[in-house]
N, C-alpha and C. Protein backbone atom coordinates (compact mmCIF):
# COMPACT_ATOMS: atom_id res chain seq x y z
N MET A 1 12.42 -6.43 10.96
CA MET A 1 12.58 -5.04 10.72
C MET A 1 11.27 -4.71 9.76
N LYS A 2 11.11 -3.68 9.93
CA LYS A 2 9.71 -2.60 9.17
C LYS A 2 10.45 -2.04 7.95
N ARG A 3 9.43 -2.02 6.98
CA ARG A 3 9.83 -1.53 6.02
C ARG A 3 8.69 -0.30 5.51
N LEU A 4 8.96 0.38 4.97
CA LEU A 4 8.18 1.87 4.52
C LEU A 4 7.42 1.26 3.33
N HIS A 5 6.42 1.54 2.98
CA HIS A 5 5.58 1.31 1.78
C HIS A 5 5.09 2.17 1.23
N VAL A 6 5.12 2.51 0.03
CA VAL A 6 4.60 3.57 -0.91
C VAL A 6 4.09 3.07 -2.17
N HIS A 7 3.03 3.48 -2.41
CA HIS A 7 2.05 3.01 -3.77
C HIS A 7 1.63 4.20 -4.36
N VAL A 8 2.25 4.43 -5.55
CA VAL A 8 1.86 5.43 -6.42
C VAL A 8 0.81 4.97 -7.77
N ALA A 9 -0.36 5.42 -7.85
CA ALA A 9 -1.32 5.54 -9.24
C ALA A 9 -0.27 6.22 -10.22
N VAL A 10 -0.37 5.26 -11.30
CA VAL A 10 0.35 5.94 -12.61
C VAL A 10 -0.43 5.57 -13.68
N SER A 11 -0.45 6.53 -14.89
CA SER A 11 -1.12 6.48 -16.09
C SER A 11 -0.45 5.82 -16.94
N ASP A 12 0.83 5.39 -16.97
CA ASP A 12 1.35 4.78 -17.91
C ASP A 12 2.70 4.05 -16.86
N LEU A 13 2.04 2.81 -17.25
CA LEU A 13 2.72 1.52 -16.26
C LEU A 13 4.09 1.38 -16.86
N ASP A 14 4.28 1.51 -18.07
CA ASP A 14 5.74 1.26 -19.36
C ASP A 14 6.62 2.39 -18.55
N ALA A 15 6.05 3.57 -18.85
CA ALA A 15 6.59 4.38 -18.89
C ALA A 15 7.59 4.71 -17.41
N SER A 16 6.60 4.44 -16.63
CA SER A 16 6.94 4.82 -15.21
C SER A 16 7.77 3.59 -14.38
N THR A 17 7.43 2.31 -15.33
CA THR A 17 8.48 1.38 -14.81
C THR A 17 9.86 1.70 -15.16
N ARG A 18 9.78 2.03 -16.50
CA ARG A 18 11.15 2.74 -17.02
C ARG A 18 12.01 3.87 -15.86
N PHE A 19 11.20 4.69 -15.50
CA PHE A 19 11.43 5.62 -14.94
C PHE A 19 12.43 5.07 -13.40
N TYR A 20 11.30 4.73 -12.83
CA TYR A 20 11.63 3.94 -11.41
C TYR A 20 12.81 2.84 -11.34
N SER A 21 12.67 2.14 -12.51
CA SER A 21 13.95 1.47 -12.54
C SER A 21 15.10 2.24 -12.73
N ALA A 22 15.19 3.14 -13.50
CA ALA A 22 16.50 3.68 -13.40
C ALA A 22 16.75 4.71 -12.43
N LEU A 23 15.59 5.16 -11.63
CA LEU A 23 15.77 6.03 -10.33
C LEU A 23 16.50 4.82 -9.28
N PHE A 24 15.90 4.00 -9.13
CA PHE A 24 16.35 3.05 -8.26
C PHE A 24 17.53 2.14 -8.18
N ALA A 25 17.98 2.05 -9.57
CA ALA A 25 19.03 1.49 -10.27
C ALA A 25 18.68 -0.25 -10.00
N ALA A 26 17.40 -0.48 -10.17
CA ALA A 26 16.93 -1.91 -10.11
C ALA A 26 15.57 -2.21 -10.73
N GLU A 27 15.24 -3.45 -11.20
CA GLU A 27 14.17 -3.82 -12.01
C GLU A 27 13.39 -4.14 -10.66
N PRO A 28 12.00 -4.28 -11.41
CA PRO A 28 10.88 -4.54 -10.27
C PRO A 28 11.22 -5.82 -9.84
N THR A 29 10.74 -6.12 -8.50
CA THR A 29 10.41 -7.73 -8.30
C THR A 29 9.60 -8.66 -8.42
N VAL A 30 8.58 -7.75 -9.09
CA VAL A 30 7.06 -8.27 -9.16
C VAL A 30 6.81 -7.43 -10.27
N MET A 31 6.21 -7.82 -11.33
CA MET A 31 5.87 -7.01 -12.47
C MET A 31 4.76 -7.65 -13.31
N LYS A 32 3.72 -7.33 -13.38
CA LYS A 32 2.20 -7.88 -13.99
C LYS A 32 1.77 -6.63 -14.87
N ALA A 33 0.43 -6.70 -15.53
CA ALA A 33 0.33 -6.11 -16.72
C ALA A 33 -0.16 -4.48 -16.34
N ASP A 34 -0.51 -4.65 -14.69
CA ASP A 34 -0.93 -3.45 -14.16
C ASP A 34 -0.40 -3.13 -13.02
N TYR A 35 0.69 -3.41 -12.53
CA TYR A 35 1.40 -3.45 -11.54
C TYR A 35 2.71 -4.05 -11.40
N ALA A 36 3.69 -2.71 -10.58
CA ALA A 36 5.14 -3.42 -10.14
C ALA A 36 5.34 -2.88 -9.28
N LYS A 37 6.23 -3.84 -8.48
CA LYS A 37 7.08 -3.45 -7.03
C LYS A 37 8.46 -3.76 -7.22
N TRP A 38 8.98 -2.83 -6.37
CA TRP A 38 10.51 -2.91 -6.01
C TRP A 38 10.38 -3.30 -4.64
N MET A 39 11.38 -4.06 -4.20
CA MET A 39 11.36 -4.40 -2.55
C MET A 39 12.98 -3.94 -2.45
N LEU A 40 13.35 -2.54 -2.23
CA LEU A 40 14.69 -2.17 -2.34
C LEU A 40 14.99 -2.41 -0.60
N GLU A 41 16.31 -2.56 -0.60
CA GLU A 41 17.04 -2.63 0.93
C GLU A 41 17.56 -1.34 1.06
N ASP A 42 17.81 -0.22 -0.05
CA ASP A 42 18.60 0.90 0.12
C ASP A 42 18.06 2.06 -0.26
N PRO A 43 17.06 2.61 -0.23
CA PRO A 43 16.63 2.66 1.14
C PRO A 43 15.63 1.47 1.21
N ARG A 44 15.05 1.35 2.73
CA ARG A 44 14.26 -0.20 3.03
C ARG A 44 12.96 0.61 2.52
N VAL A 45 12.50 -0.10 1.47
CA VAL A 45 11.09 0.60 1.08
C VAL A 45 10.52 -0.83 0.19
N ASN A 46 9.26 -0.84 0.13
CA ASN A 46 8.47 -1.42 -0.56
C ASN A 46 7.44 -0.49 -1.37
N PHE A 47 8.14 -0.27 -2.84
CA PHE A 47 7.77 0.83 -3.73
C PHE A 47 6.80 0.12 -4.77
N ALA A 48 5.40 0.32 -4.99
CA ALA A 48 4.63 0.12 -6.09
C ALA A 48 4.05 0.82 -6.75
N ILE A 49 3.40 0.80 -7.94
CA ILE A 49 2.98 1.50 -8.69
C ILE A 49 1.85 0.69 -9.54
N SER A 50 0.94 1.07 -9.90
CA SER A 50 -0.26 0.32 -10.59
C SER A 50 -1.43 1.15 -11.10
N THR A 51 -1.91 0.52 -12.53
CA THR A 51 -2.82 1.48 -13.04
C THR A 51 -4.31 0.75 -12.82
N HIS A 52 -5.04 1.79 -12.78
CA HIS A 52 -6.68 1.07 -12.28
C HIS A 52 -7.34 2.26 -12.93
N ASP A 53 -8.83 1.77 -13.28
CA ASP A 53 -9.79 2.68 -13.66
C ASP A 53 -10.38 3.70 -12.93
N ASP A 54 -10.17 3.56 -11.40
CA ASP A 54 -10.78 4.32 -10.52
C ASP A 54 -9.70 4.97 -9.82
N ALA A 55 -8.45 4.95 -10.23
CA ALA A 55 -7.17 5.31 -9.58
C ALA A 55 -6.86 6.53 -10.16
N THR A 56 -6.91 7.86 -9.31
CA THR A 56 -6.38 9.05 -10.06
C THR A 56 -4.57 9.45 -10.05
N PRO A 57 -4.08 9.51 -11.21
CA PRO A 57 -2.56 9.64 -10.95
C PRO A 57 -2.11 10.21 -9.69
N GLY A 58 -0.87 9.73 -8.93
CA GLY A 58 -0.42 10.43 -7.70
C GLY A 58 -0.11 9.31 -6.75
N LEU A 59 0.06 9.90 -5.48
CA LEU A 59 0.29 9.33 -4.50
C LEU A 59 -0.86 8.15 -4.15
N SER A 60 -1.11 6.79 -3.94
CA SER A 60 -2.27 6.05 -3.65
C SER A 60 -2.42 6.28 -2.07
N HIS A 61 -1.34 5.60 -1.47
CA HIS A 61 -1.47 5.46 -0.07
C HIS A 61 0.27 5.18 0.23
N LEU A 62 0.27 5.16 1.74
CA LEU A 62 1.69 5.03 2.54
C LEU A 62 1.25 3.60 3.27
N GLY A 63 2.33 3.05 3.84
CA GLY A 63 2.10 2.01 4.68
C GLY A 63 3.48 1.71 5.87
N ILE A 64 3.48 0.82 6.32
CA ILE A 64 4.48 0.24 7.15
C ILE A 64 4.06 -1.19 7.04
N GLN A 65 4.88 -1.99 6.40
CA GLN A 65 5.23 -3.67 5.92
C GLN A 65 5.97 -4.04 7.10
N VAL A 66 5.57 -5.04 7.96
CA VAL A 66 6.22 -5.69 9.02
C VAL A 66 6.67 -7.35 8.65
N GLU A 67 7.58 -7.88 9.45
CA GLU A 67 7.81 -9.36 8.85
C GLU A 67 7.16 -10.23 9.85
N ASN A 68 6.65 -9.74 11.02
CA ASN A 68 6.12 -11.46 11.73
C ASN A 68 4.98 -10.27 12.67
N ALA A 69 4.21 -11.49 13.16
CA ALA A 69 3.04 -11.21 14.03
C ALA A 69 3.24 -10.03 15.04
N ASP A 70 4.43 -10.20 15.72
CA ASP A 70 4.96 -9.34 16.85
C ASP A 70 4.88 -7.99 16.47
N GLU A 71 5.57 -7.69 15.34
CA GLU A 71 5.92 -6.59 14.91
C GLU A 71 4.19 -6.08 14.63
N LEU A 72 3.63 -6.79 13.85
CA LEU A 72 2.18 -6.31 13.42
C LEU A 72 1.78 -5.89 14.95
N ALA A 73 1.75 -6.79 15.86
CA ALA A 73 0.72 -6.26 16.83
C ALA A 73 1.15 -5.10 17.20
N GLU A 74 2.94 -4.60 17.48
CA GLU A 74 3.38 -3.68 17.94
C GLU A 74 2.97 -2.26 17.05
N VAL A 75 2.85 -2.62 15.91
CA VAL A 75 2.33 -1.30 15.12
C VAL A 75 0.56 -1.65 15.07
N TYR A 76 -0.02 -2.03 15.39
CA TYR A 76 -1.48 -1.78 15.54
C TYR A 76 -1.68 -1.19 17.13
N GLY A 77 -1.06 -1.36 17.78
CA GLY A 77 -1.07 -0.81 19.01
C GLY A 77 -0.71 0.93 18.91
N ARG A 78 0.11 1.05 18.03
CA ARG A 78 0.46 2.56 17.72
C ARG A 78 -0.87 2.88 17.03
N LEU A 79 -1.30 2.38 16.21
CA LEU A 79 -2.46 2.89 15.37
C LEU A 79 -3.80 3.18 16.38
N GLN A 80 -3.98 2.58 17.75
CA GLN A 80 -4.92 2.36 18.55
C GLN A 80 -4.63 4.23 19.63
N LYS A 81 -3.26 4.59 19.57
CA LYS A 81 -2.74 5.33 20.23
C LYS A 81 -2.84 7.08 19.36
N ALA A 82 -3.43 6.71 18.20
CA ALA A 82 -2.94 7.84 17.08
C ALA A 82 -4.39 8.71 17.06
N ASP A 83 -5.30 7.99 17.94
CA ASP A 83 -6.75 8.96 17.80
C ASP A 83 -7.24 9.46 16.72
N ARG A 84 -7.25 8.38 15.75
CA ARG A 84 -8.10 8.36 14.52
C ARG A 84 -8.77 7.14 14.46
N PRO A 85 -10.10 6.99 13.29
CA PRO A 85 -10.72 5.93 13.29
C PRO A 85 -9.58 4.81 12.27
N VAL A 86 -9.83 3.51 12.94
CA VAL A 86 -8.95 2.47 12.46
C VAL A 86 -9.83 1.44 11.88
N LEU A 87 -9.30 1.12 10.39
CA LEU A 87 -10.38 0.16 9.83
C LEU A 87 -9.41 -1.31 9.88
N ASP A 88 -9.97 -2.30 10.59
CA ASP A 88 -9.47 -3.42 10.70
C ASP A 88 -9.71 -4.40 9.61
N GLU A 89 -9.10 -4.88 8.43
CA GLU A 89 -9.30 -5.31 7.62
C GLU A 89 -9.30 -6.87 7.69
N GLY A 90 -8.17 -7.00 8.36
CA GLY A 90 -7.82 -8.76 8.76
C GLY A 90 -7.18 -9.29 7.28
N ALA A 91 -7.47 -10.65 7.35
CA ALA A 91 -6.85 -11.30 6.02
C ALA A 91 -7.35 -10.96 4.76
N THR A 92 -6.62 -10.36 3.66
CA THR A 92 -7.27 -10.14 2.53
C THR A 92 -6.14 -10.17 1.66
N THR A 93 -6.54 -9.99 0.08
CA THR A 93 -5.69 -10.40 -1.08
C THR A 93 -5.91 -8.88 -1.92
N CYS A 94 -4.70 -8.39 -1.68
CA CYS A 94 -4.52 -7.20 -2.79
C CYS A 94 -3.04 -6.92 -2.99
N CYS A 95 -2.97 -6.54 -4.09
CA CYS A 95 -1.59 -6.04 -4.83
C CYS A 95 -0.88 -7.59 -5.17
N TYR A 96 -1.50 -8.37 -5.52
CA TYR A 96 -1.07 -9.67 -5.87
C TYR A 96 -0.11 -10.02 -4.76
N ALA A 97 -0.80 -9.84 -3.46
CA ALA A 97 -0.20 -10.42 -2.51
C ALA A 97 -1.20 -10.83 -1.19
N LYS A 98 -1.21 -11.74 -0.50
CA LYS A 98 -1.89 -12.32 0.81
C LYS A 98 -1.23 -11.61 1.98
N SER A 99 -2.21 -10.77 2.56
CA SER A 99 -1.75 -9.74 3.78
C SER A 99 -3.07 -9.88 5.03
N THR A 100 -2.40 -9.64 6.20
CA THR A 100 -2.95 -9.25 7.10
C THR A 100 -3.19 -7.81 7.41
N LYS A 101 -4.04 -6.59 7.43
CA LYS A 101 -3.69 -5.37 7.43
C LYS A 101 -5.25 -4.54 7.74
N SER A 102 -4.42 -3.44 8.51
CA SER A 102 -5.26 -2.42 8.96
C SER A 102 -4.97 -1.11 8.30
N TRP A 103 -5.93 -0.07 8.31
CA TRP A 103 -5.91 1.34 7.59
C TRP A 103 -6.14 2.24 8.71
N ILE A 104 -5.28 3.66 8.37
CA ILE A 104 -5.68 4.34 9.17
C ILE A 104 -5.65 5.78 8.42
N ALA A 105 -6.09 6.56 8.34
CA ALA A 105 -5.81 7.94 7.63
C ALA A 105 -5.37 9.25 8.63
N ASP A 106 -4.03 9.96 8.35
CA ASP A 106 -3.45 11.07 8.65
C ASP A 106 -4.59 12.11 9.25
N PRO A 107 -4.27 13.33 9.68
CA PRO A 107 -5.04 14.64 9.49
C PRO A 107 -5.58 14.90 8.37
N GLN A 108 -4.52 14.94 7.16
CA GLN A 108 -4.62 15.32 5.86
C GLN A 108 -5.63 14.12 4.97
N ASN A 109 -5.80 13.33 5.39
CA ASN A 109 -6.94 12.03 4.69
C ASN A 109 -5.74 11.33 4.02
N ILE A 110 -4.25 11.15 4.01
CA ILE A 110 -3.46 10.27 3.46
C ILE A 110 -3.82 8.94 4.08
N ALA A 111 -4.09 7.90 3.30
CA ALA A 111 -4.38 6.49 3.79
C ALA A 111 -3.20 5.82 4.08
N TRP A 112 -2.77 4.94 5.30
CA TRP A 112 -1.75 4.50 6.04
C TRP A 112 -2.20 3.08 5.96
N GLU A 113 -1.70 1.85 5.56
CA GLU A 113 -1.91 0.92 5.83
C GLU A 113 -0.79 0.05 6.74
N THR A 114 -0.97 -0.67 7.72
CA THR A 114 0.23 -1.62 8.19
C THR A 114 -0.32 -3.09 8.01
N PHE A 115 0.95 -3.56 7.76
CA PHE A 115 0.27 -5.42 6.93
C PHE A 115 1.47 -6.10 7.10
N LEU A 116 1.32 -7.46 7.17
CA LEU A 116 2.16 -8.45 7.26
C LEU A 116 1.60 -9.49 5.89
N THR A 117 2.37 -9.39 5.23
CA THR A 117 2.50 -10.31 3.94
C THR A 117 2.35 -11.50 4.16
N THR A 118 1.57 -12.34 3.90
CA THR A 118 1.88 -13.83 4.46
C THR A 118 1.87 -14.83 3.02
N GLY A 119 1.94 -14.44 1.72
CA GLY A 119 2.17 -15.08 0.66
C GLY A 119 1.61 -14.29 -0.61
N ASP A 120 1.93 -15.30 -1.71
CA ASP A 120 1.68 -14.33 -3.26
C ASP A 120 0.20 -14.73 -3.53
N ALA A 121 -0.45 -13.94 -4.50
CA ALA A 121 -1.90 -13.95 -4.96
C ALA A 121 -1.68 -14.00 -6.57
N ILE A 122 -2.51 -14.52 -7.10
CA ILE A 122 -2.72 -14.62 -8.30
C ILE A 122 -3.34 -13.55 -9.15
N ASP A 123 -4.23 -12.76 -8.58
CA ASP A 123 -5.24 -11.56 -9.09
C ASP A 123 -4.46 -10.75 -7.86
N TYR A 124 -5.06 -9.38 -8.68
CA TYR A 124 -4.34 -8.21 -7.73
C TYR A 124 -5.45 -8.10 -6.60
N GLY A 125 -6.58 -8.57 -6.50
CA GLY A 125 -7.11 -8.55 -5.04
C GLY A 125 -8.11 -7.18 -4.99
N THR A 126 -8.78 -6.96 -4.02
CA THR A 126 -9.96 -5.76 -3.57
C THR A 126 -9.20 -5.20 -2.44
N GLY A 127 -9.93 -4.15 -2.05
CA GLY A 127 -9.60 -3.22 -0.82
C GLY A 127 -10.72 -2.45 -0.30
N PRO A 128 -10.45 -2.18 0.76
CA PRO A 128 -11.98 -1.74 1.54
C PRO A 128 -11.70 -0.30 0.80
N GLU A 129 -13.12 0.33 1.35
CA GLU A 129 -13.84 1.87 0.73
C GLU A 129 -13.06 2.42 1.84
N LEU A 130 -11.59 3.13 1.70
CA LEU A 130 -10.78 4.15 2.33
C LEU A 130 -11.74 5.57 3.21
N SER A 131 -12.74 5.66 2.44
CA SER A 131 -13.57 6.88 3.11
C SER A 131 -13.91 6.68 4.47
N ARG A 132 -14.11 5.28 4.85
CA ARG A 132 -14.55 5.05 6.08
C ARG A 132 -13.50 5.36 7.06
N ILE A 133 -12.33 5.77 6.61
CA ILE A 133 -11.17 5.98 7.76
C ILE A 133 -11.00 7.73 7.42
N ALA A 134 -11.44 8.44 6.53
CA ALA A 134 -11.29 9.54 6.45
C ALA A 134 -12.00 10.62 7.63
N ALA A 135 -11.24 11.80 7.82
CA ALA A 135 -12.16 12.53 8.98
C ALA A 135 -13.42 13.56 8.20
N ASP A 136 -12.82 13.44 6.94
CA ASP A 136 -13.89 13.79 5.78
C ASP A 136 -13.78 13.10 4.74
N PRO A 137 -15.07 12.47 4.76
CA PRO A 137 -14.88 11.05 3.76
C PRO A 137 -15.19 11.97 2.30
N ALA A 138 -15.60 13.02 2.04
CA ALA A 138 -15.35 14.01 0.76
C ALA A 138 -14.08 14.29 0.35
N ALA A 139 -13.25 14.26 1.32
CA ALA A 139 -11.80 14.62 0.79
C ALA A 139 -10.91 13.73 0.62
N THR A 140 -11.28 12.46 0.67
CA THR A 140 -10.35 11.43 -0.15
C THR A 140 -11.05 10.49 -0.93
N GLY A 141 -10.43 10.29 -2.11
CA GLY A 141 -10.90 9.35 -3.34
C GLY A 141 -9.95 7.83 -3.17
N GLN A 142 -9.16 7.97 -2.23
CA GLN A 142 -8.27 6.80 -2.11
C GLN A 142 -8.75 5.58 -2.24
N ARG A 143 -8.41 4.78 -2.77
CA ARG A 143 -8.85 3.14 -2.61
C ARG A 143 -7.72 2.65 -2.95
N CYS A 144 -7.32 1.19 -2.02
CA CYS A 144 -6.34 0.54 -2.77
C CYS A 144 -7.14 -0.68 -3.10
N CYS A 145 -6.29 -1.11 -4.41
CA CYS A 145 -6.52 -2.73 -4.47
C CYS A 145 -7.76 -3.01 -5.66
N GLY A 146 -8.45 -1.84 -6.23
CA GLY A 146 -9.64 -2.24 -6.89
C GLY A 146 -10.85 -1.42 -6.93
């Protein structure tokens, strides 16, 4: 079963963690000095917030998280039909997790990641330069994970 992923860049992690914990009536399932994540079942969403020097507060990116390789292959097939550039990142470490992922940008240049999480990581990790998938590279400063 797939799960919607939302990542928001925040300027004050503590205040944002308190706000979203109250909003979701749940504490984060992952909490780091620069990152918090809620794996919610109702609604089924992987909601994450983080602070990073290069992140502008607001929506960072959206995504679809899958639970197995078959679902990942199915979602990757959808990306190919979307008629937009796809960045196949492959195996990577991002957001304190090991994943296999690809990226695409919608017509408004909102970055979408599709990914299968394969394990935990001890560091935040890095991500690709997402301007490579934007129709207008100057229109997006979005980056994930470092």
